[in-house]
Amino acid sequence: MTPTTELVGRRVKVTAWYDHAQLVAAHRRPRTFRDGPEGTVTQVNVVTGQVTVRIEEIHRVYTLPLSDVEVLP
C-alpha cells in the first residue's frame, strides 16, 4: 500500500462505490459492480482515514474511506 502522504495526486479506482447512494445515482455509465469509477485523490485525512477523490467523469468530489479505493499503477 502507498503511504498516505503520497496519495495526493494519485489515480484511484473506487472499489466500494455501490455502498454510496449519491455516487451510484451520479454514476450512470453502465458497468458491473466490479468496475468502479476512477478519480484523483485531492486530499487525505490521516486522522479519520478518509480520502477526498475527484471523479472526473461526473465532475464531483467525494470523501470516502481509504479502504474503499484502490491505487492505480
C-alpha atoms as a PDB file:
ATOM      1  CA  MET A   1       0.000   0.000   0.000  1.00  0.00           C
ATOM      2  CA  THR A   2       1.171   3.506  -0.806  1.00  0.00           C
ATOM      3  CA  PRO A   3       1.848   5.677   2.265  1.00  0.00           C
ATOM      4  CA  THR A   4      -0.998   8.136   2.800  1.00  0.00           C
ATOM      5  CA  THR A   5       1.307  11.138   2.402  1.00  0.00           C
ATOM      6  CA  GLU A   6       1.995  10.078  -1.192  1.00  0.00           C
ATOM      7  CA  LEU A   7      -1.640   9.565  -2.228  1.00  0.00           C
ATOM      8  CA  VAL A   8      -2.469  13.156  -3.159  1.00  0.00           C
ATOM      9  CA  GLY A   9      -2.492  13.428  -6.941  1.00  0.00           C
ATOM     10  CA  ARG A  10      -2.611   9.649  -7.489  1.00  0.00           C
ATOM     11  CA  ARG A  11      -5.249   7.966  -9.645  1.00  0.00           C
ATOM     12  CA  VAL A  12      -7.545   5.598  -7.768  1.00  0.00           C
ATOM     13  CA  LYS A  13     -10.484   3.364  -8.540  1.00  0.00           C
ATOM     14  CA  VAL A  14     -13.416   3.406  -6.128  1.00  0.00           C
ATOM     15  CA  THR A  15     -13.940  -0.257  -5.281  1.00  0.00           C
ATOM     16  CA  ALA A  16     -16.969   0.036  -2.997  1.00  0.00           C
ATOM     17  CA  TRP A  17     -18.868   2.699  -4.916  1.00  0.00           C
ATOM     18  CA  TYR A  18     -22.127   0.737  -4.753  1.00  0.00           C
ATOM     19  CA  ASP A  19     -22.180   1.409  -0.985  1.00  0.00           C
ATOM     20  CA  HIS A  20     -22.521   5.167  -1.586  1.00  0.00           C
ATOM     21  CA  ALA A  21     -26.028   6.098  -2.749  1.00  0.00           C
ATOM     22  CA  GLN A  22     -25.019   9.514  -4.117  1.00  0.00           C
ATOM     23  CA  LEU A  23     -22.187   8.016  -6.148  1.00  0.00           C
ATOM     24  CA  VAL A  24     -24.457   5.268  -7.524  1.00  0.00           C
ATOM     25  CA  ALA A  25     -27.037   7.844  -8.602  1.00  0.00           C
ATOM     26  CA  ALA A  26     -24.421  10.017 -10.288  1.00  0.00           C
ATOM     27  CA  HIS A  27     -22.518   7.142 -11.897  1.00  0.00           C
ATOM     28  CA  ARG A  28     -24.900   6.298 -14.728  1.00  0.00           C
ATOM     29  CA  ARG A  29     -22.432   4.698 -17.124  1.00  0.00           C
ATOM     30  CA  PRO A  30     -23.410   1.016 -17.471  1.00  0.00           C
ATOM     31  CA  ARG A  31     -20.787  -1.066 -15.698  1.00  0.00           C
ATOM     32  CA  THR A  32     -20.635  -4.074 -13.491  1.00  0.00           C
ATOM     33  CA  PHE A  33     -20.263  -3.557  -9.755  1.00  0.00           C
ATOM     34  CA  ARG A  34     -16.610  -4.643 -10.049  1.00  0.00           C
ATOM     35  CA  ASP A  35     -15.827  -1.712 -12.360  1.00  0.00           C
ATOM     36  CA  GLY A  36     -15.871   1.330 -10.154  1.00  0.00           C
ATOM     37  CA  PRO A  37     -15.421   4.932 -11.202  1.00  0.00           C
ATOM     38  CA  GLU A  38     -11.895   6.346 -11.275  1.00  0.00           C
ATOM     39  CA  GLY A  39     -10.639   9.653  -9.968  1.00  0.00           C
ATOM     40  CA  THR A  40      -7.769  11.616  -8.474  1.00  0.00           C
ATOM     41  CA  VAL A  41      -7.048  11.948  -4.766  1.00  0.00           C
ATOM     42  CA  THR A  42      -7.159  15.613  -3.789  1.00  0.00           C
ATOM     43  CA  GLN A  43      -6.862  15.334  -0.008  1.00  0.00           C
ATOM     44  CA  VAL A  44      -6.024  12.745   2.657  1.00  0.00           C
ATOM     45  CA  ASN A  45      -7.204  12.934   6.258  1.00  0.00           C
ATOM     46  CA  VAL A  46      -4.856  10.674   8.222  1.00  0.00           C
ATOM     47  CA  VAL A  47      -6.811  11.188  11.442  1.00  0.00           C
ATOM     48  CA  THR A  48     -10.118   9.805  10.088  1.00  0.00           C
ATOM     49  CA  GLY A  49      -8.625   7.539   7.405  1.00  0.00           C
ATOM     50  CA  GLN A  50     -10.598   9.183   4.621  1.00  0.00           C
ATOM     51  CA  VAL A  51      -9.587  10.430   1.193  1.00  0.00           C
ATOM     52  CA  THR A  52     -11.222  13.057  -0.965  1.00  0.00           C
ATOM     53  CA  VAL A  53     -11.477  11.886  -4.568  1.00  0.00           C
ATOM     54  CA  ARG A  54     -12.448  13.962  -7.597  1.00  0.00           C
ATOM     55  CA  ILE A  55     -14.365  11.776 -10.057  1.00  0.00           C
ATOM     56  CA  GLU A  56     -13.725  13.463 -13.405  1.00  0.00           C
ATOM     57  CA  GLU A  57     -16.383  11.675 -15.464  1.00  0.00           C
ATOM     58  CA  ILE A  58     -19.180  13.103 -13.300  1.00  0.00           C
ATOM     59  CA  HIS A  59     -17.374  16.281 -12.166  1.00  0.00           C
ATOM     60  CA  ARG A  60     -17.948  15.673  -8.454  1.00  0.00           C
ATOM     61  CA  VAL A  61     -15.843  15.282  -5.330  1.00  0.00           C
ATOM     62  CA  TYR A  62     -16.466  12.556  -2.760  1.00  0.00           C
ATOM     63  CA  THR A  63     -14.934  11.828   0.635  1.00  0.00           C
ATOM     64  CA  LEU A  64     -14.504   8.087   1.042  1.00  0.00           C
ATOM     65  CA  PRO A  65     -12.853   5.707   3.490  1.00  0.00           C
ATOM     66  CA  LEU A  66      -9.334   4.773   2.410  1.00  0.00           C
ATOM     67  CA  SER A  67     -10.438   1.135   2.311  1.00  0.00           C
ATOM     68  CA  ASP A  68     -12.945   1.958  -0.477  1.00  0.00           C
ATOM     69  CA  VAL A  69     -10.304   2.989  -3.003  1.00  0.00           C
ATOM     70  CA  GLU A  70      -7.586   1.129  -4.887  1.00  0.00           C
ATOM     71  CA  VAL A  71      -4.471   2.959  -6.067  1.00  0.00           C
ATOM     72  CA  LEU A  72      -3.930   2.515  -9.799  1.00  0.00           C
ATOM     73  CA  PRO A  73      -0.476   1.936 -11.294  1.00  0.00           C
END
